[in-house]
């Protein structure tokens, strides 16, 4: 398609209208929360509270867009079977303005083609120091859509090992993936998972990973909630812990897998990813992918992202 063509401008205008209908402007009336104060004994390593003019893009000194249908040299459809094309368009990702939040919005055009956005931190060095801790936290409101209208929705807040980026994630799952929060098909739940080792099978039960299973969250689509992962290398065995609003709901311990598998997956830097996929293996496991009834335009809203380490 020729960039700047009339059809492209019309499509963008229509996409923006869909986003407005999907509710992004409505949430501007909700109070945003500041990045939490740095916990005692920790140092703030990264934060973004997504302040900026309405309909502007993210701070590209902190974030980069992963676009298309996969990494260069990597698996098709991002290796998951998802069907959307990721873009850097403000129609798919932009700041809300007064509420200080980021909206990631999946859209469908008149031909049935889906687009969305996948944002990744430029930094890939978020790591727990030897004998220390890494804490990664975000306040998120899941897409407010349910039932048949939510079929195929896959919002996520997650991390990949730094070594995945240069090789198109062809070293997955050994390089390590920490799914801090995933949700499928608008269900009133979320899941946290560590992916590691080899696939299929292996010590980490791939392709499922070492998962929390579904954790209930009846208000996660109607209000913001905090999703946190803590990697604690100050204890033996080391522990990877998931929290919802400060309550520990899942743990994976170093002694659950071979020492080499644990080290390869976790003893290094990570980058953070925020995205909303459409379709793929994860939604399929919870009732199926998108249909004609799936409603476009329901955003995942992110109030802030923060990273701390200790010591």
C-alpha atoms as a PDB file:
ATOM      1  CA  UNK A   1       0.000   0.000   0.000  1.00  0.00           C
ATOM      2  CA  UNK A   2       1.282   3.487  -0.845  1.00  0.00           C
ATOM      3  CA  UNK A   3       2.016   5.452   2.314  1.00  0.00           C
ATOM      4  CA  UNK A   4      -0.197   8.516   2.666  1.00  0.00           C
ATOM      5  CA  UNK A   5      -2.793   7.327   0.155  1.00  0.00           C
ATOM      6  CA  UNK A   6      -6.426   8.375   0.503  1.00  0.00           C
ATOM      7  CA  UNK A   7      -7.405   4.845   1.490  1.00  0.00           C
ATOM      8  CA  UNK A   8      -4.769   4.810   4.203  1.00  0.00           C
ATOM      9  CA  UNK A   9      -5.883   8.176   5.595  1.00  0.00           C
ATOM     10  CA  UNK A  10      -9.503   7.026   5.561  1.00  0.00           C
ATOM     11  CA  UNK A  11      -8.550   3.817   7.314  1.00  0.00           C
ATOM     12  CA  UNK A  12      -6.698   5.759  10.023  1.00  0.00           C
ATOM     13  CA  UNK A  13      -9.650   8.082  10.548  1.00  0.00           C
ATOM     14  CA  UNK A  14     -11.951   5.097  10.867  1.00  0.00           C
ATOM     15  CA  UNK A  15      -9.553   3.386  13.250  1.00  0.00           C
ATOM     16  CA  UNK A  16      -9.454   6.438  15.504  1.00  0.00           C
ATOM     17  CA  UNK A  17     -13.237   6.495  15.571  1.00  0.00           C
ATOM     18  CA  UNK A  18     -13.268   2.849  16.616  1.00  0.00           C
ATOM     19  CA  UNK A  19     -10.770   3.579  19.385  1.00  0.00           C
ATOM     20  CA  UNK A  20     -12.959   6.365  20.718  1.00  0.00           C
ATOM     21  CA  UNK A  21     -15.942   4.041  20.640  1.00  0.00           C
ATOM     22  CA  UNK A  22     -13.856   1.425  22.449  1.00  0.00           C
ATOM     23  CA  UNK A  23     -13.658   3.636  25.512  1.00  0.00           C
ATOM     24  CA  UNK A  24     -10.183   5.178  25.721  1.00  0.00           C
ATOM     25  CA  UNK A  25     -11.508   8.691  26.258  1.00  0.00           C
ATOM     26  CA  UNK A  26     -13.875   7.498  28.968  1.00  0.00           C
ATOM     27  CA  UNK A  27     -11.006   6.333  31.142  1.00  0.00           C
ATOM     28  CA  UNK A  28      -9.428   9.776  31.042  1.00  0.00           C
ATOM     29  CA  UNK A  29     -11.792  10.654  33.859  1.00  0.00           C
ATOM     30  CA  UNK A  30     -10.260   7.982  36.082  1.00  0.00           C
ATOM     31  CA  UNK A  31      -7.564   9.076  38.499  1.00  0.00           C
ATOM     32  CA  UNK A  32      -4.105   7.835  37.607  1.00  0.00           C
ATOM     33  CA  UNK A  33      -1.662   6.614  40.210  1.00  0.00           C
ATOM     34  CA  UNK A  34       1.901   7.783  40.577  1.00  0.00           C
ATOM     35  CA  UNK A  35       4.742   5.316  40.242  1.00  0.00           C
ATOM     36  CA  UNK A  36       4.968   3.816  43.741  1.00  0.00           C
ATOM     37  CA  UNK A  37       7.656   5.059  46.077  1.00  0.00           C
ATOM     38  CA  UNK A  38      10.864   3.067  45.868  1.00  0.00           C
ATOM     39  CA  UNK A  39      10.697   0.253  48.450  1.00  0.00           C
ATOM     40  CA  UNK A  40      13.226   0.343  51.274  1.00  0.00           C
ATOM     41  CA  UNK A  41      16.510  -1.213  50.214  1.00  0.00           C
ATOM     42  CA  UNK A  42      15.744  -0.914  46.478  1.00  0.00           C
ATOM     43  CA  UNK A  43      16.915   1.399  43.702  1.00  0.00           C
ATOM     44  CA  UNK A  44      14.638   2.575  40.905  1.00  0.00           C
ATOM     45  CA  UNK A  45      16.103   1.419  37.575  1.00  0.00           C
ATOM     46  CA  UNK A  46      13.309   2.337  35.146  1.00  0.00           C
ATOM     47  CA  UNK A  47       9.897   3.948  35.151  1.00  0.00           C
ATOM     48  CA  UNK A  48       7.341   5.405  32.780  1.00  0.00           C
ATOM     49  CA  UNK A  49       4.009   6.877  33.883  1.00  0.00           C
ATOM     50  CA  UNK A  50       2.944   7.599  30.300  1.00  0.00           C
ATOM     51  CA  UNK A  51       2.338  11.304  30.738  1.00  0.00           C
ATOM     52  CA  UNK A  52       2.080  13.364  27.566  1.00  0.00           C
ATOM     53  CA  UNK A  53      -0.433  14.929  25.210  1.00  0.00           C
ATOM     54  CA  UNK A  54      -3.484  12.929  24.259  1.00  0.00           C
ATOM     55  CA  UNK A  55      -3.041  10.898  21.047  1.00  0.00           C
ATOM     56  CA  UNK A  56       0.743  11.192  21.206  1.00  0.00           C
ATOM     57  CA  UNK A  57       3.067   8.210  20.969  1.00  0.00           C
ATOM     58  CA  UNK A  58       5.183   6.717  23.726  1.00  0.00           C
ATOM     59  CA  UNK A  59       8.612   7.975  24.749  1.00  0.00           C
ATOM     60  CA  UNK A  60      10.783   6.321  22.114  1.00  0.00           C
ATOM     61  CA  UNK A  61      13.913   6.798  24.206  1.00  0.00           C
ATOM     62  CA  UNK A  62      12.377   4.173  26.507  1.00  0.00           C
ATOM     63  CA  UNK A  63      10.257   2.045  24.160  1.00  0.00           C
ATOM     64  CA  UNK A  64      10.445   0.619  20.672  1.00  0.00           C
ATOM     65  CA  UNK A  65       7.729  -0.908  18.531  1.00  0.00           C
ATOM     66  CA  UNK A  66       8.064  -4.475  17.328  1.00  0.00           C
ATOM     67  CA  UNK A  67       6.100  -4.435  14.090  1.00  0.00           C
ATOM     68  CA  UNK A  68       4.812  -6.880  11.518  1.00  0.00           C
ATOM     69  CA  UNK A  69       3.996 -10.512  12.162  1.00  0.00           C
ATOM     70  CA  UNK A  70       7.265 -11.638  13.740  1.00  0.00           C
ATOM     71  CA  UNK A  71      10.852 -10.727  14.494  1.00  0.00           C
ATOM     72  CA  UNK A  72      13.258 -10.627  11.530  1.00  0.00           C
ATOM     73  CA  UNK A  73      14.590 -14.150  11.196  1.00  0.00           C
ATOM     74  CA  UNK A  74      12.114 -15.418  13.769  1.00  0.00           C
ATOM     75  CA  UNK A  75       9.026 -17.594  13.621  1.00  0.00           C
ATOM     76  CA  UNK A  76       5.932 -16.477  11.715  1.00  0.00           C
ATOM     77  CA  UNK A  77       2.997 -15.044  13.643  1.00  0.00           C
ATOM     78  CA  UNK A  78       5.347 -14.271  16.548  1.00  0.00           C
ATOM     79  CA  UNK A  79       5.737 -18.006  17.098  1.00  0.00           C
ATOM     80  CA  UNK A  80       2.296 -18.257  18.711  1.00  0.00           C
ATOM     81  CA  UNK A  81      -0.166 -18.415  15.824  1.00  0.00           C
ATOM     82  CA  UNK A  82      -1.611 -14.979  16.606  1.00  0.00           C
ATOM     83  CA  UNK A  83      -3.118 -13.316  13.547  1.00  0.00           C
ATOM     84  CA  UNK A  84      -2.728  -9.551  13.979  1.00  0.00           C
ATOM     85  CA  UNK A  85      -0.113  -7.343  12.360  1.00  0.00           C
ATOM     86  CA  UNK A  86       1.699  -5.216  14.922  1.00  0.00           C
ATOM     87  CA  UNK A  87       2.102  -1.537  13.985  1.00  0.00           C
ATOM     88  CA  UNK A  88       3.536   1.711  15.353  1.00  0.00           C
ATOM     89  CA  UNK A  89       0.385   3.642  14.417  1.00  0.00           C
ATOM     90  CA  UNK A  90      -1.154   5.951  17.006  1.00  0.00           C
ATOM     91  CA  UNK A  91      -4.426   4.213  16.165  1.00  0.00           C
ATOM     92  CA  UNK A  92      -3.032   1.100  17.880  1.00  0.00           C
ATOM     93  CA  UNK A  93      -1.025   2.704  20.694  1.00  0.00           C
ATOM     94  CA  UNK A  94      -1.135   6.177  22.156  1.00  0.00           C
ATOM     95  CA  UNK A  95      -1.213   8.177  25.358  1.00  0.00           C
ATOM     96  CA  UNK A  96      -4.536   9.194  26.867  1.00  0.00           C
ATOM     97  CA  UNK A  97      -3.444  12.659  27.994  1.00  0.00           C
ATOM     98  CA  UNK A  98      -4.975  13.828  31.256  1.00  0.00           C
ATOM     99  CA  UNK A  99      -5.179  10.387  32.867  1.00  0.00           C
ATOM    100  CA  UNK A 100      -1.516   9.593  32.186  1.00  0.00           C
ATOM    101  CA  UNK A 101      -2.005   6.160  30.673  1.00  0.00           C
ATOM    102  CA  UNK A 102      -1.041   4.195  27.577  1.00  0.00           C
ATOM    103  CA  UNK A 103      -3.712   2.506  25.508  1.00  0.00           C
ATOM    104  CA  UNK A 104      -2.917  -0.498  23.297  1.00  0.00           C
ATOM    105  CA  UNK A 105      -5.855  -1.039  20.977  1.00  0.00           C
ATOM    106  CA  UNK A 106      -6.509  -3.986  18.639  1.00  0.00           C
ATOM    107  CA  UNK A 107      -8.429  -2.946  15.516  1.00  0.00           C
ATOM    108  CA  UNK A 108     -10.036  -4.749  12.584  1.00  0.00           C
ATOM    109  CA  UNK A 109     -10.460  -3.235   9.136  1.00  0.00           C
ATOM    110  CA  UNK A 110     -13.307  -3.740   6.688  1.00  0.00           C
ATOM    111  CA  UNK A 111     -11.511  -6.722   5.153  1.00  0.00           C
ATOM    112  CA  UNK A 112     -11.291  -8.462   8.518  1.00  0.00           C
ATOM    113  CA  UNK A 113      -7.565  -7.845   9.044  1.00  0.00           C
ATOM    114  CA  UNK A 114      -6.473  -7.159  12.608  1.00  0.00           C
ATOM    115  CA  UNK A 115      -3.786  -4.721  13.763  1.00  0.00           C
ATOM    116  CA  UNK A 116      -2.462  -4.013  17.252  1.00  0.00           C
ATOM    117  CA  UNK A 117       0.734  -2.846  18.982  1.00  0.00           C
ATOM    118  CA  UNK A 118       3.651  -4.502  20.732  1.00  0.00           C
ATOM    119  CA  UNK A 119       5.914  -2.209  22.751  1.00  0.00           C
ATOM    120  CA  UNK A 120       9.273  -3.340  24.101  1.00  0.00           C
ATOM    121  CA  UNK A 121      11.723  -1.517  26.334  1.00  0.00           C
ATOM    122  CA  UNK A 122      14.872  -0.480  24.536  1.00  0.00           C
ATOM    123  CA  UNK A 123      16.825  -1.574  27.576  1.00  0.00           C
ATOM    124  CA  UNK A 124      17.545  -5.269  27.923  1.00  0.00           C
ATOM    125  CA  UNK A 125      19.484  -5.164  31.186  1.00  0.00           C
ATOM    126  CA  UNK A 126      16.749  -5.633  33.780  1.00  0.00           C
ATOM    127  CA  UNK A 127      18.329  -8.302  35.955  1.00  0.00           C
ATOM    128  CA  UNK A 128      18.511  -9.451  39.549  1.00  0.00           C
ATOM    129  CA  UNK A 129      22.069  -9.020  40.811  1.00  0.00           C
ATOM    130  CA  UNK A 130      23.760 -12.023  42.378  1.00  0.00           C
ATOM    131  CA  UNK A 131      22.446 -12.188  45.920  1.00  0.00           C
ATOM    132  CA  UNK A 132      19.884  -9.450  45.180  1.00  0.00           C
ATOM    133  CA  UNK A 133      16.375  -8.908  43.835  1.00  0.00           C
ATOM    134  CA  UNK A 134      14.594  -7.657  40.719  1.00  0.00           C
ATOM    135  CA  UNK A 135      11.063  -6.250  41.012  1.00  0.00           C
ATOM    136  CA  UNK A 136       8.992  -5.404  37.914  1.00  0.00           C
ATOM    137  CA  UNK A 137       5.599  -3.771  38.395  1.00  0.00           C
ATOM    138  CA  UNK A 138       2.776  -2.291  36.301  1.00  0.00           C
ATOM    139  CA  UNK A 139      -0.711  -0.963  36.942  1.00  0.00           C
ATOM    140  CA  UNK A 140      -3.005  -2.213  34.184  1.00  0.00           C
ATOM    141  CA  UNK A 141      -6.669  -2.269  33.246  1.00  0.00           C
ATOM    142  CA  UNK A 142      -7.519  -5.187  30.976  1.00  0.00           C
ATOM    143  CA  UNK A 143      -9.686  -4.763  27.874  1.00  0.00           C
ATOM    144  CA  UNK A 144     -13.278  -4.330  29.041  1.00  0.00           C
ATOM    145  CA  UNK A 145     -14.840  -6.878  26.742  1.00  0.00           C
ATOM    146  CA  UNK A 146     -16.304 -10.299  27.440  1.00  0.00           C
ATOM    147  CA  UNK A 147     -18.142 -13.278  26.020  1.00  0.00           C
ATOM    148  CA  UNK A 148     -18.271 -13.710  22.254  1.00  0.00           C
ATOM    149  CA  UNK A 149     -17.056 -10.132  21.777  1.00  0.00           C
ATOM    150  CA  UNK A 150     -13.784 -11.000  23.551  1.00  0.00           C
ATOM    151  CA  UNK A 151     -12.939 -14.134  21.568  1.00  0.00           C
ATOM    152  CA  UNK A 152      -9.262 -14.064  20.606  1.00  0.00           C
ATOM    153  CA  UNK A 153      -8.174 -11.177  22.848  1.00  0.00           C
ATOM    154  CA  UNK A 154      -4.734 -11.802  24.404  1.00  0.00           C
ATOM    155  CA  UNK A 155      -3.380  -8.877  26.457  1.00  0.00           C
ATOM    156  CA  UNK A 156      -0.032  -9.405  28.152  1.00  0.00           C
ATOM    157  CA  UNK A 157       2.681  -7.836  30.314  1.00  0.00           C
ATOM    158  CA  UNK A 158       5.823  -9.948  30.051  1.00  0.00           C
ATOM    159  CA  UNK A 159       9.600 -10.202  29.668  1.00  0.00           C
ATOM    160  CA  UNK A 160      12.053 -11.966  27.368  1.00  0.00           C
ATOM    161  CA  UNK A 161      15.702 -12.730  27.988  1.00  0.00           C
ATOM    162  CA  UNK A 162      18.011 -10.142  26.410  1.00  0.00           C
ATOM    163  CA  UNK A 163      19.628 -12.685  24.108  1.00  0.00           C
ATOM    164  CA  UNK A 164      16.289 -13.266  22.352  1.00  0.00           C
ATOM    165  CA  UNK A 165      16.272  -9.898  20.591  1.00  0.00           C
ATOM    166  CA  UNK A 166      19.347 -10.298  18.329  1.00  0.00           C
ATOM    167  CA  UNK A 167      18.256 -13.723  17.041  1.00  0.00           C
ATOM    168  CA  UNK A 168      14.510 -13.248  16.605  1.00  0.00           C
ATOM    169  CA  UNK A 169      13.741 -15.286  19.751  1.00  0.00           C
ATOM    170  CA  UNK A 170      14.881 -18.461  17.987  1.00  0.00           C
ATOM    171  CA  UNK A 171      16.553 -19.422  21.290  1.00  0.00           C
ATOM    172  CA  UNK A 172      13.178 -19.647  23.063  1.00  0.00           C
ATOM    173  CA  UNK A 173      12.344 -21.026  25.599  1.00  0.00           C
ATOM    174  CA  UNK A 174      15.838 -21.628  26.934  1.00  0.00           C
ATOM    175  CA  UNK A 175      16.589 -17.895  26.996  1.00  0.00           C
ATOM    176  CA  UNK A 176      13.761 -17.380  29.474  1.00  0.00           C
ATOM    177  CA  UNK A 177      10.320 -15.788  29.285  1.00  0.00           C
ATOM    178  CA  UNK A 178       8.508 -14.402  32.315  1.00  0.00           C
ATOM    179  CA  UNK A 179       4.810 -13.833  31.698  1.00  0.00           C
ATOM    180  CA  UNK A 180       3.928 -11.424  34.484  1.00  0.00           C
ATOM    181  CA  UNK A 181       0.301 -11.249  33.355  1.00  0.00           C
ATOM    182  CA  UNK A 182      -1.636 -12.827  30.510  1.00  0.00           C
ATOM    183  CA  UNK A 183      -5.373 -12.887  29.952  1.00  0.00           C
ATOM    184  CA  UNK A 184      -7.383 -14.743  27.329  1.00  0.00           C
ATOM    185  CA  UNK A 185     -10.765 -14.119  25.740  1.00  0.00           C
ATOM    186  CA  UNK A 186     -11.912 -11.550  28.287  1.00  0.00           C
ATOM    187  CA  UNK A 187     -12.073 -14.103  31.083  1.00  0.00           C
ATOM    188  CA  UNK A 188     -12.208 -12.790  34.657  1.00  0.00           C
ATOM    189  CA  UNK A 189      -8.768 -14.182  35.362  1.00  0.00           C
ATOM    190  CA  UNK A 190      -5.064 -13.864  34.661  1.00  0.00           C
ATOM    191  CA  UNK A 191      -2.092 -16.226  34.476  1.00  0.00           C
ATOM    192  CA  UNK A 192       1.618 -15.913  35.353  1.00  0.00           C
ATOM    193  CA  UNK A 193       4.192 -18.266  33.823  1.00  0.00           C
ATOM    194  CA  UNK A 194       7.908 -18.992  33.537  1.00  0.00           C
ATOM    195  CA  UNK A 195       8.969 -20.488  30.200  1.00  0.00           C
ATOM    196  CA  UNK A 196      12.393 -22.168  30.160  1.00  0.00           C
ATOM    197  CA  UNK A 197      14.356 -25.245  29.122  1.00  0.00           C
ATOM    198  CA  UNK A 198      13.457 -26.957  25.844  1.00  0.00           C
ATOM    199  CA  UNK A 199      10.251 -27.367  23.854  1.00  0.00           C
ATOM    200  CA  UNK A 200       8.201 -29.419  23.608  1.00  0.00           C
ATOM    201  CA  UNK A 201       8.305 -30.991  27.051  1.00  0.00           C
ATOM    202  CA  UNK A 202      11.579 -30.501  28.869  1.00  0.00           C
ATOM    203  CA  UNK A 203      12.035 -29.606  32.528  1.00  0.00           C
ATOM    204  CA  UNK A 204       9.630 -26.638  32.276  1.00  0.00           C
ATOM    205  CA  UNK A 205       6.664 -28.527  30.783  1.00  0.00           C
ATOM    206  CA  UNK A 206       6.673 -26.599  27.510  1.00  0.00           C
ATOM    207  CA  UNK A 207       4.714 -25.323  25.746  1.00  0.00           C
ATOM    208  CA  UNK A 208       2.660 -24.689  28.886  1.00  0.00           C
ATOM    209  CA  UNK A 209       5.564 -23.621  31.086  1.00  0.00           C
ATOM    210  CA  UNK A 210       5.600 -23.434  34.868  1.00  0.00           C
ATOM    211  CA  UNK A 211       2.260 -21.718  35.190  1.00  0.00           C
ATOM    212  CA  UNK A 212       0.121 -20.367  37.996  1.00  0.00           C
ATOM    213  CA  UNK A 213      -3.008 -21.591  36.279  1.00  0.00           C
ATOM    214  CA  UNK A 214      -5.931 -19.210  36.105  1.00  0.00           C
ATOM    215  CA  UNK A 215      -6.148 -16.762  38.996  1.00  0.00           C
ATOM    216  CA  UNK A 216      -9.496 -15.105  39.526  1.00  0.00           C
ATOM    217  CA  UNK A 217      -9.742 -11.344  39.091  1.00  0.00           C
ATOM    218  CA  UNK A 218     -13.351 -10.262  38.713  1.00  0.00           C
ATOM    219  CA  UNK A 219     -12.467  -6.549  38.635  1.00  0.00           C
ATOM    220  CA  UNK A 220      -9.481  -6.632  36.314  1.00  0.00           C
ATOM    221  CA  UNK A 221     -11.460  -5.312  33.338  1.00  0.00           C
ATOM    222  CA  UNK A 222     -13.386  -2.625  35.205  1.00  0.00           C
ATOM    223  CA  UNK A 223     -10.502  -1.138  37.209  1.00  0.00           C
ATOM    224  CA  UNK A 224      -6.727  -0.906  37.329  1.00  0.00           C
ATOM    225  CA  UNK A 225      -4.746  -3.535  39.231  1.00  0.00           C
ATOM    226  CA  UNK A 226      -1.057  -3.980  40.004  1.00  0.00           C
ATOM    227  CA  UNK A 227       0.769  -6.945  38.480  1.00  0.00           C
ATOM    228  CA  UNK A 228       4.223  -7.619  39.888  1.00  0.00           C
ATOM    229  CA  UNK A 229       6.959 -10.183  39.541  1.00  0.00           C
ATOM    230  CA  UNK A 230       9.854 -10.499  41.998  1.00  0.00           C
ATOM    231  CA  UNK A 231      12.998 -12.475  41.233  1.00  0.00           C
ATOM    232  CA  UNK A 232      14.714 -13.077  44.555  1.00  0.00           C
ATOM    233  CA  UNK A 233      18.313 -14.278  44.429  1.00  0.00           C
ATOM    234  CA  UNK A 234      18.918 -13.438  48.088  1.00  0.00           C
ATOM    235  CA  UNK A 235      17.336 -16.709  49.259  1.00  0.00           C
ATOM    236  CA  UNK A 236      18.100 -20.383  48.706  1.00  0.00           C
ATOM    237  CA  UNK A 237      16.562 -21.758  46.658  1.00  0.00           C
ATOM    238  CA  UNK A 238      16.060 -18.681  44.508  1.00  0.00           C
ATOM    239  CA  UNK A 239      12.433 -17.741  43.957  1.00  0.00           C
ATOM    240  CA  UNK A 240      10.365 -16.167  41.184  1.00  0.00           C
ATOM    241  CA  UNK A 241       7.161 -14.760  42.692  1.00  0.00           C
ATOM    242  CA  UNK A 242       3.998 -13.251  41.166  1.00  0.00           C
ATOM    243  CA  UNK A 243       1.745 -10.738  42.930  1.00  0.00           C
ATOM    244  CA  UNK A 244      -1.670  -9.207  42.280  1.00  0.00           C
ATOM    245  CA  UNK A 245      -2.155  -5.939  44.169  1.00  0.00           C
ATOM    246  CA  UNK A 246       0.656  -6.904  46.509  1.00  0.00           C
ATOM    247  CA  UNK A 247      -0.644 -10.392  47.331  1.00  0.00           C
ATOM    248  CA  UNK A 248       1.634 -13.318  46.445  1.00  0.00           C
ATOM    249  CA  UNK A 249      -0.303 -15.767  44.254  1.00  0.00           C
ATOM    250  CA  UNK A 250       2.331 -17.953  42.555  1.00  0.00           C
ATOM    251  CA  UNK A 251       5.946 -19.038  43.045  1.00  0.00           C
ATOM    252  CA  UNK A 252       8.513 -20.984  41.058  1.00  0.00           C
ATOM    253  CA  UNK A 253      11.655 -22.152  42.871  1.00  0.00           C
ATOM    254  CA  UNK A 254      15.172 -22.797  41.637  1.00  0.00           C
ATOM    255  CA  UNK A 255      15.117 -26.427  42.762  1.00  0.00           C
ATOM    256  CA  UNK A 256      12.112 -27.237  40.548  1.00  0.00           C
ATOM    257  CA  UNK A 257      14.347 -27.434  37.444  1.00  0.00           C
ATOM    258  CA  UNK A 258      17.987 -28.348  36.724  1.00  0.00           C
ATOM    259  CA  UNK A 259      20.475 -25.693  37.835  1.00  0.00           C
ATOM    260  CA  UNK A 260      21.677 -25.063  34.272  1.00  0.00           C
ATOM    261  CA  UNK A 261      18.105 -24.557  33.042  1.00  0.00           C
ATOM    262  CA  UNK A 262      17.387 -22.027  35.790  1.00  0.00           C
ATOM    263  CA  UNK A 263      20.588 -20.084  35.186  1.00  0.00           C
ATOM    264  CA  UNK A 264      20.104 -19.988  31.412  1.00  0.00           C
ATOM    265  CA  UNK A 265      16.554 -18.696  31.823  1.00  0.00           C
ATOM    266  CA  UNK A 266      17.041 -16.162  34.611  1.00  0.00           C
ATOM    267  CA  UNK A 267      20.652 -15.215  35.386  1.00  0.00           C
ATOM    268  CA  UNK A 268      20.826 -12.378  32.846  1.00  0.00           C
ATOM    269  CA  UNK A 269      19.070  -9.243  31.671  1.00  0.00           C
ATOM    270  CA  UNK A 270      15.546  -8.999  30.294  1.00  0.00           C
ATOM    271  CA  UNK A 271      13.456  -6.559  28.276  1.00  0.00           C
ATOM    272  CA  UNK A 272       9.807  -5.786  29.017  1.00  0.00           C
ATOM    273  CA  UNK A 273       6.922  -6.217  26.551  1.00  0.00           C
ATOM    274  CA  UNK A 274       3.398  -4.787  26.567  1.00  0.00           C
ATOM    275  CA  UNK A 275       1.046  -5.993  23.851  1.00  0.00           C
ATOM    276  CA  UNK A 276      -2.436  -7.117  22.892  1.00  0.00           C
ATOM    277  CA  UNK A 277      -2.413 -10.042  20.476  1.00  0.00           C
ATOM    278  CA  UNK A 278      -5.413 -11.453  18.643  1.00  0.00           C
ATOM    279  CA  UNK A 279      -5.738 -15.201  18.297  1.00  0.00           C
ATOM    280  CA  UNK A 280      -3.057 -17.821  18.754  1.00  0.00           C
ATOM    281  CA  UNK A 281      -2.412 -20.810  20.927  1.00  0.00           C
ATOM    282  CA  UNK A 282      -3.201 -19.140  24.243  1.00  0.00           C
ATOM    283  CA  UNK A 283      -6.745 -17.954  23.414  1.00  0.00           C
ATOM    284  CA  UNK A 284      -7.328 -21.230  21.584  1.00  0.00           C
ATOM    285  CA  UNK A 285      -6.663 -23.062  24.847  1.00  0.00           C
ATOM    286  CA  UNK A 286      -9.449 -21.083  26.514  1.00  0.00           C
ATOM    287  CA  UNK A 287     -12.270 -21.506  24.059  1.00  0.00           C
ATOM    288  CA  UNK A 288     -10.991 -20.403  20.666  1.00  0.00           C
ATOM    289  CA  UNK A 289      -9.788 -17.472  18.609  1.00  0.00           C
ATOM    290  CA  UNK A 290     -11.470 -14.455  17.048  1.00  0.00           C
ATOM    291  CA  UNK A 291     -14.726 -14.667  15.143  1.00  0.00           C
ATOM    292  CA  UNK A 292     -16.944 -12.189  13.329  1.00  0.00           C
ATOM    293  CA  UNK A 293     -18.468 -11.407  16.723  1.00  0.00           C
ATOM    294  CA  UNK A 294     -15.149 -10.300  18.246  1.00  0.00           C
ATOM    295  CA  UNK A 295     -15.357  -6.574  18.986  1.00  0.00           C
ATOM    296  CA  UNK A 296     -12.389  -4.426  17.924  1.00  0.00           C
ATOM    297  CA  UNK A 297     -11.270  -1.355  19.823  1.00  0.00           C
ATOM    298  CA  UNK A 298     -11.170  -2.506  23.469  1.00  0.00           C
ATOM    299  CA  UNK A 299      -7.874  -1.157  24.844  1.00  0.00           C
ATOM    300  CA  UNK A 300      -5.476  -2.511  27.419  1.00  0.00           C
ATOM    301  CA  UNK A 301      -4.646   0.521  29.558  1.00  0.00           C
ATOM    302  CA  UNK A 302      -1.291   0.839  31.312  1.00  0.00           C
ATOM    303  CA  UNK A 303      -0.919   3.475  34.025  1.00  0.00           C
ATOM    304  CA  UNK A 304       2.793   2.952  34.698  1.00  0.00           C
ATOM    305  CA  UNK A 305       5.665   0.484  34.494  1.00  0.00           C
ATOM    306  CA  UNK A 306       8.486   0.453  37.041  1.00  0.00           C
ATOM    307  CA  UNK A 307      11.603  -1.623  37.716  1.00  0.00           C
ATOM    308  CA  UNK A 308      13.628  -1.777  40.930  1.00  0.00           C
ATOM    309  CA  UNK A 309      16.640  -3.791  42.049  1.00  0.00           C
ATOM    310  CA  UNK A 310      18.109  -4.577  45.449  1.00  0.00           C
ATOM    311  CA  UNK A 311      20.770  -4.096  46.661  1.00  0.00           C
END
